[in-house]
Amino acid sequence: MAPAVGLSRNTFAKVSPHPYLLANLDPPVGTTHAPSRSNGRSPNQVRTPSVNLASLSHAHGSAVVRMGDTTVICGVRGETILTSQIPNYRADNTETELKDYDLLVPNIELATGSAPQFMPGGPPTTLAQTLSTRVYSLLHSSKILNPDDLRIWYDRPSDAIPVDDDAMDQDQPTERVVVAYWVLYIDIYFISFDGNPFDAAWAATLAALKDTKVPQARFDPDKEAVVCSRRSPRPLSITGNPIACTAVVFTGRETDRPTEGRYWLLVDPDASEEALCDESLTIVVDCTDGVTKFVTMSKHGGANLSSKILTSKDMLQWTSARWKGFADAIAAGQS
């Protein structure tokens, strides 16, 4: 009798990805194999991140973040805009000026060659636009930027106080006003793409902002323009250290048949795992003060995750561990 011929692990994974992942996550009773994913990681194991800062020579701040085979580079460049050029400018708006005046402009590009599905010559993909919107939203909701860092002040001579000829040679009364702003253009470029793009894009954005230094700027009333100096650039004062933690839900099904309530939460998914799951969860946490603070939480698709699971001890543990991994990597990049 001829020996039985079976498929290799790699072939099995490519031909039948759903059954292969299910077989690894749910091994037969009595075996010594612990539940694992197709990539060899346990369900709650993340890819170790690495962060390099100041990677671009001509940006005001930059960072490269790598998680496994997902690599993204972020560059931040500031441009000035006069308040007279802002249509809806109000001098008394000191609460929502970052958003109202569009002072933070993120843009994401999924480079040709970063993954097979990204072809040259096409318009921006839906994924790129969605990621840009999510980064934009988190930039404002997390409030990590101090608006005063982007204000450019000018001591304008006050027209309300009369000055006689004898006082012309003396100091004239002035009024301190915001005459311009810095606009931060945040360009995020994926060099390679293997899943979990939002976590990588946000980490690169945060790291690049921590690396950003804007030039000294002053308003020249004669030229009616902002004049910048490269001497002693000012770093941004970043408040907090919010980190995004994403997981997907694998139900083990390829059709709409019932799953009997079984599912597995796979943290930091790669591209193949994302293709097998239709439900995802992203939690943004900040553990800067030693206490885990939930900044935002968003869930997309599916109906397996309940509020009880979202606030469970296991959820708290893996998000805290994820935060520490990224926080340590960014701190190492700054040193």
Protein backbone atom coordinates (compact mmCIF):
# COMPACT_ATOMS: atom_id res chain seq x y z
CA MET A 1 0.00 0.00 0.00
CA ALA A 2 1.33 3.41 -0.95
CA PRO A 3 1.94 5.76 1.99
CA ALA A 4 -0.63 8.49 2.53
CA VAL A 5 0.40 11.87 1.23
CA GLY A 6 -0.70 14.96 3.17
CA LEU A 7 -0.42 18.68 2.66
CA SER A 8 2.42 20.61 4.18
CA ARG A 9 1.56 23.22 6.80
CA ASN A 10 2.28 26.12 4.43
CA THR A 11 0.15 24.60 1.67
CA PHE A 12 -2.70 23.83 4.07
CA ALA A 13 -2.62 27.44 5.33
CA LYS A 14 -2.84 28.85 1.80
CA VAL A 15 -5.46 26.42 0.44
CA SER A 16 -7.76 26.41 3.47
CA PRO A 17 -6.94 29.37 5.72
CA HIS A 18 -10.13 29.16 7.81
CA PRO A 19 -9.83 25.48 8.75
CA TYR A 20 -6.08 25.86 9.29
CA LEU A 21 -6.43 28.75 11.71
CA LEU A 22 -9.31 26.99 13.49
CA ALA A 23 -7.25 23.81 13.83
CA ASN A 24 -4.45 25.78 15.48
CA LEU A 25 -6.72 27.76 17.80
CA ASP A 26 -8.83 24.76 18.80
CA PRO A 27 -6.49 21.71 19.01
CA PRO A 28 -8.05 18.30 19.74
CA VAL A 29 -8.59 17.37 23.36
CA GLY A 30 -5.69 15.40 24.76
CA THR A 31 -2.99 17.04 22.66
CA THR A 32 -0.14 19.00 24.18
CA HIS A 33 -0.36 21.83 21.67
CA ALA A 34 -1.40 25.17 23.13
CA PRO A 35 -3.82 27.29 21.09
CA SER A 36 -1.87 29.33 18.56
CA ARG A 37 -2.36 31.27 15.36
CA SER A 38 -1.16 30.46 11.86
CA ASN A 39 1.80 32.80 12.33
CA GLY A 40 2.87 30.97 15.50
CA ARG A 41 1.78 33.67 17.95
CA SER A 42 -0.63 32.99 20.79
CA PRO A 43 -4.02 34.76 20.56
CA ASN A 44 -2.95 37.58 22.91
CA GLN A 45 0.63 37.94 21.66
CA VAL A 46 1.59 41.10 19.75
CA ARG A 47 4.43 41.76 17.37
CA THR A 48 7.28 43.57 19.10
CA PRO A 49 7.33 47.18 17.83
CA SER A 50 10.44 49.17 16.98
CA VAL A 51 10.58 52.96 16.63
CA ASN A 52 13.24 55.22 15.09
CA LEU A 53 12.93 59.00 15.36
CA ALA A 54 14.35 61.82 13.18
CA SER A 55 14.50 59.56 10.14
CA LEU A 56 13.83 62.32 7.57
CA SER A 57 16.28 65.17 7.01
CA HIS A 58 13.91 67.85 5.73
CA ALA A 59 10.91 67.37 8.03
CA HIS A 60 10.33 69.17 11.32
CA GLY A 61 9.72 65.78 12.91
CA SER A 62 9.63 62.17 11.73
CA ALA A 63 9.48 58.57 12.86
CA VAL A 64 9.60 55.05 11.44
CA VAL A 65 7.52 52.37 13.16
CA ARG A 66 7.76 48.66 12.41
CA MET A 67 5.52 45.87 13.68
CA GLY A 68 6.51 42.59 12.06
CA ASP A 69 6.13 43.14 8.31
CA THR A 70 4.08 46.33 8.71
CA THR A 71 6.36 49.35 8.36
CA VAL A 72 5.23 52.97 8.24
CA ILE A 73 7.10 56.26 8.12
CA CYS A 74 5.61 59.56 9.26
CA GLY A 75 6.89 63.04 8.51
CA VAL A 76 5.59 66.27 10.08
CA ARG A 77 6.15 69.61 8.40
CA GLY A 78 4.84 72.95 9.59
CA GLU A 79 3.63 75.81 7.40
CA THR A 80 2.41 79.18 8.65
CA ILE A 81 -0.94 80.76 7.88
CA LEU A 82 -2.00 84.31 8.77
CA THR A 83 -5.24 84.70 10.70
CA SER A 84 -6.36 87.13 7.97
CA GLN A 85 -6.33 84.17 5.58
CA ILE A 86 -8.61 82.04 7.80
CA PRO A 87 -12.23 82.74 6.71
CA ASN A 88 -13.86 81.72 10.00
CA TYR A 89 -11.22 83.12 12.34
CA ARG A 90 -12.42 84.55 15.67
CA ALA A 91 -10.03 86.05 18.19
CA ASP A 92 -12.10 84.70 21.10
CA ASN A 93 -11.93 81.08 19.88
CA THR A 94 -9.36 79.46 22.15
CA GLU A 95 -11.05 76.09 22.70
CA THR A 96 -11.59 74.49 19.29
CA GLU A 97 -9.16 76.41 17.08
CA LEU A 98 -7.14 73.29 16.13
CA LYS A 99 -10.20 71.72 14.53
CA ASP A 100 -12.05 74.82 13.37
CA TYR A 101 -9.04 76.17 11.48
CA ASP A 102 -7.76 72.77 10.24
CA LEU A 103 -4.36 73.18 11.85
CA LEU A 104 -3.72 69.40 11.84
CA VAL A 105 -3.75 67.77 8.41
CA PRO A 106 -3.00 64.02 8.35
CA ASN A 107 -2.71 62.15 5.07
CA ILE A 108 -2.04 58.45 4.56
CA GLU A 109 -0.62 56.78 1.47
CA LEU A 110 -0.48 53.03 0.94
CA ALA A 111 2.55 52.78 -1.29
CA THR A 112 2.67 50.72 -4.45
CA GLY A 113 4.55 47.56 -3.59
CA SER A 114 3.72 47.65 0.12
CA ALA A 115 1.15 44.90 -0.53
CA PRO A 116 -0.11 43.11 -3.67
CA GLN A 117 -3.52 44.82 -3.60
CA PHE A 118 -2.12 48.36 -3.87
CA MET A 119 -1.66 49.08 -7.57
CA PRO A 120 0.09 52.09 -9.17
CA GLY A 121 -1.77 54.94 -10.80
CA GLY A 122 -5.04 54.55 -8.94
CA PRO A 123 -6.92 57.03 -6.74
CA PRO A 124 -6.54 56.94 -2.94
CA THR A 125 -8.06 53.74 -1.59
CA THR A 126 -11.03 53.66 0.76
CA LEU A 127 -8.75 52.17 3.41
CA ALA A 128 -6.30 55.08 3.15
CA GLN A 129 -9.10 57.63 3.45
CA THR A 130 -10.64 55.79 6.40
CA LEU A 131 -7.30 55.61 8.21
CA SER A 132 -6.68 59.32 7.62
CA THR A 133 -10.10 60.14 9.09
CA ARG A 134 -9.47 57.97 12.15
CA VAL A 135 -6.05 59.53 12.79
CA TYR A 136 -7.57 63.01 12.38
CA SER A 137 -10.35 62.18 14.84
CA LEU A 138 -7.95 60.78 17.45
CA LEU A 139 -5.61 63.76 17.14
CA HIS A 140 -8.47 65.98 18.30
CA SER A 141 -10.23 63.69 20.78
CA SER A 142 -7.01 62.76 22.62
CA LYS A 143 -6.02 66.45 23.01
CA ILE A 144 -2.33 65.60 22.96
CA LEU A 145 -1.40 68.93 21.35
CA ASN A 146 -1.36 72.28 23.12
CA PRO A 147 -2.92 74.93 20.84
CA ASP A 148 -0.54 77.56 22.20
CA ASP A 149 2.38 75.69 20.56
CA LEU A 150 0.89 76.57 17.17
CA ARG A 151 0.06 80.21 17.86
CA ILE A 152 2.28 82.98 16.53
CA TRP A 153 1.93 86.15 18.58
CA TYR A 154 2.49 89.80 17.71
CA ASP A 155 2.58 92.88 19.94
CA ARG A 156 0.45 95.20 17.84
CA PRO A 157 0.45 98.93 18.58
CA SER A 158 -2.85 99.77 20.17
CA ASP A 159 -5.01 102.16 18.15
CA ALA A 160 -7.40 102.67 21.04
CA ILE A 161 -4.91 104.69 23.13
CA PRO A 162 -3.97 108.12 21.71
CA VAL A 163 -0.29 108.94 21.60
CA ASP A 164 0.85 112.59 21.42
CA ASP A 165 3.93 113.79 19.60
CA ASP A 166 5.99 114.11 22.77
CA ALA A 167 5.49 110.42 23.50
CA MET A 168 6.46 109.16 20.06
CA ASP A 169 10.00 108.40 21.19
CA GLN A 170 8.74 106.46 24.20
CA ASP A 171 7.39 102.93 24.29
CA GLN A 172 3.95 102.88 22.76
CA PRO A 173 1.15 100.80 24.30
CA THR A 174 0.69 97.49 22.51
CA GLU A 175 -1.88 94.74 22.32
CA ARG A 176 -0.74 91.10 22.19
CA VAL A 177 -2.67 89.23 19.50
CA VAL A 178 -2.46 85.96 17.58
CA VAL A 179 -1.50 86.96 14.07
CA ALA A 180 -0.75 83.53 12.57
CA TYR A 181 -0.69 79.80 13.24
CA TRP A 182 1.46 76.84 12.43
CA VAL A 183 -0.36 74.23 10.33
CA LEU A 184 1.07 70.74 10.83
CA TYR A 185 0.98 68.52 7.74
CA ILE A 186 1.30 64.91 8.91
CA ASP A 187 2.17 62.58 6.03
CA ILE A 188 2.03 58.87 6.79
CA TYR A 189 3.52 56.49 4.23
CA PHE A 190 3.28 52.70 4.39
CA ILE A 191 6.45 51.04 3.11
CA SER A 192 5.20 47.52 3.79
CA PHE A 193 1.74 46.38 4.81
CA ASP A 194 0.91 43.26 6.79
CA GLY A 195 -2.16 44.09 8.83
CA ASN A 196 -3.15 46.34 11.74
CA PRO A 197 -2.48 49.60 9.86
CA PHE A 198 -4.20 51.92 12.33
CA ASP A 199 -2.04 50.98 15.32
CA ALA A 200 1.09 51.48 13.23
CA ALA A 201 -0.09 54.75 11.67
CA TRP A 202 -1.08 56.23 15.01
CA ALA A 203 2.15 55.14 16.73
CA ALA A 204 4.17 56.73 13.91
CA THR A 205 2.11 59.93 14.20
CA LEU A 206 2.60 60.13 17.96
CA ALA A 207 6.33 59.42 17.75
CA ALA A 208 6.82 61.96 14.93
CA LEU A 209 4.97 64.66 16.90
CA LYS A 210 7.20 63.96 19.91
CA ASP A 211 10.17 64.52 17.59
CA THR A 212 8.76 67.70 16.02
CA LYS A 213 10.44 71.07 16.59
CA VAL A 214 8.97 74.15 14.89
CA PRO A 215 11.19 77.16 14.02
CA GLN A 216 11.05 80.40 15.95
CA ALA A 217 8.54 82.64 14.16
CA ARG A 218 7.68 86.33 14.34
CA PHE A 219 5.42 88.64 12.38
CA ASP A 220 7.02 91.39 10.29
CA PRO A 221 4.45 94.21 9.96
CA ASP A 222 6.38 95.88 7.12
CA LYS A 223 6.33 92.74 4.98
CA GLU A 224 2.98 91.61 6.42
CA ALA A 225 4.42 88.11 6.61
CA VAL A 226 5.75 85.62 9.13
CA VAL A 227 9.54 85.40 9.33
CA CYS A 228 11.08 82.16 10.66
CA SER A 229 14.48 81.39 12.15
CA ARG A 230 16.19 78.03 12.38
CA ARG A 231 17.87 78.99 15.62
CA SER A 232 16.55 77.30 18.76
CA PRO A 233 13.50 75.52 17.30
CA ARG A 234 10.73 74.80 19.82
CA PRO A 235 9.57 71.24 20.56
CA LEU A 236 5.86 70.57 20.84
CA SER A 237 4.51 69.91 24.32
CA ILE A 238 2.75 66.57 23.92
CA THR A 239 0.24 65.76 26.64
CA GLY A 240 -0.07 62.08 27.51
CA ASN A 241 0.98 59.02 25.57
CA PRO A 242 -2.14 57.38 24.05
CA ILE A 243 -1.51 54.09 22.25
CA ALA A 244 -3.94 52.23 19.97
CA CYS A 245 -4.56 48.53 20.61
CA THR A 246 -6.46 46.58 17.93
CA ALA A 247 -7.81 43.04 17.93
CA VAL A 248 -10.03 41.06 15.55
CA VAL A 249 -12.64 38.40 16.30
CA PHE A 250 -12.26 35.01 14.63
CA THR A 251 -15.39 32.82 14.69
CA GLY A 252 -14.02 29.87 12.73
CA ARG A 253 -16.75 30.06 10.10
CA GLU A 254 -16.59 30.67 6.38
CA THR A 255 -20.35 31.01 5.89
CA ASP A 256 -23.26 32.57 7.76
CA ARG A 257 -23.97 29.40 9.72
CA PRO A 258 -24.28 29.81 13.52
CA THR A 259 -21.03 29.64 15.51
CA GLU A 260 -22.57 28.49 18.80
CA GLY A 261 -21.09 31.57 20.45
CA ARG A 262 -17.47 30.46 20.01
CA TYR A 263 -14.86 32.99 18.97
CA TRP A 264 -11.24 33.93 19.53
CA LEU A 265 -9.85 37.42 20.08
CA LEU A 266 -6.63 37.86 18.07
CA VAL A 267 -4.62 40.91 19.09
CA ASP A 268 -2.40 42.82 16.64
CA PRO A 269 -3.70 40.89 13.59
CA ASP A 270 -1.68 40.40 10.43
CA ALA A 271 -3.19 40.83 6.97
CA SER A 272 -4.19 37.17 6.56
CA GLU A 273 -6.05 37.20 9.90
CA GLU A 274 -7.87 40.42 9.05
CA ALA A 275 -9.10 38.79 5.84
CA LEU A 276 -10.64 35.95 7.87
CA CYS A 277 -12.47 38.16 10.39
CA ASP A 278 -15.38 40.57 10.03
CA GLU A 279 -15.31 42.11 13.51
CA SER A 280 -12.57 44.31 14.98
CA LEU A 281 -12.01 46.31 18.13
CA THR A 282 -9.66 49.24 18.73
CA ILE A 283 -9.04 50.58 22.21
CA VAL A 284 -6.83 53.63 22.78
CA VAL A 285 -5.31 53.64 26.26
CA ASP A 286 -2.90 55.84 28.18
CA CYS A 287 -1.04 54.43 31.18
CA THR A 288 1.31 57.39 31.64
CA ASP A 289 0.46 57.88 35.32
CA GLY A 290 0.47 54.17 36.16
CA VAL A 291 -3.31 53.93 35.79
CA THR A 292 -4.88 52.63 32.58
CA LYS A 293 -7.04 55.36 31.11
CA PHE A 294 -9.38 54.51 28.23
CA VAL A 295 -9.19 57.37 25.72
CA THR A 296 -11.46 55.99 23.00
CA MET A 297 -13.02 52.68 22.04
CA SER A 298 -14.41 51.71 18.64
CA LYS A 299 -15.82 48.46 17.27
CA HIS A 300 -16.47 47.61 13.64
CA GLY A 301 -18.71 44.81 12.35
CA GLY A 302 -19.99 41.66 14.05
CA ALA A 303 -21.91 41.21 17.27
CA ASN A 304 -19.82 38.82 19.37
CA LEU A 305 -18.16 41.21 21.80
CA SER A 306 -20.31 42.31 24.74
CA SER A 307 -19.75 45.23 27.10
CA LYS A 308 -18.78 42.75 29.82
CA ILE A 309 -15.92 41.39 27.71
CA LEU A 310 -14.78 44.87 26.70
CA THR A 311 -14.26 45.80 30.36
CA SER A 312 -12.85 42.44 31.49
CA LYS A 313 -9.56 41.93 33.32
CA ASP A 314 -8.03 40.16 30.31
CA MET A 315 -8.80 43.15 28.11
CA LEU A 316 -7.18 45.46 30.64
CA GLN A 317 -4.06 43.28 30.82
CA TRP A 318 -3.33 43.03 27.12
CA THR A 319 -4.00 46.71 26.41
CA SER A 320 -1.69 47.69 29.27
CA ALA A 321 1.01 45.37 27.95
CA ARG A 322 0.55 46.78 24.45
CA TRP A 323 0.87 50.33 25.77
CA LYS A 324 4.09 49.50 27.60
CA GLY A 325 5.62 47.91 24.50
CA PHE A 326 5.02 50.98 22.35
CA ALA A 327 5.82 53.50 25.11
CA ASP A 328 9.18 51.79 25.74
CA ALA A 329 9.94 51.67 22.00
CA ILE A 330 9.19 55.40 21.55
CA ALA A 331 11.24 56.28 24.64
CA ALA A 332 14.13 54.21 23.29
CA GLY A 333 13.89 56.07 19.98
CA GLN A 334 14.11 59.42 21.78
CA SER A 335 17.23 58.48 23.74
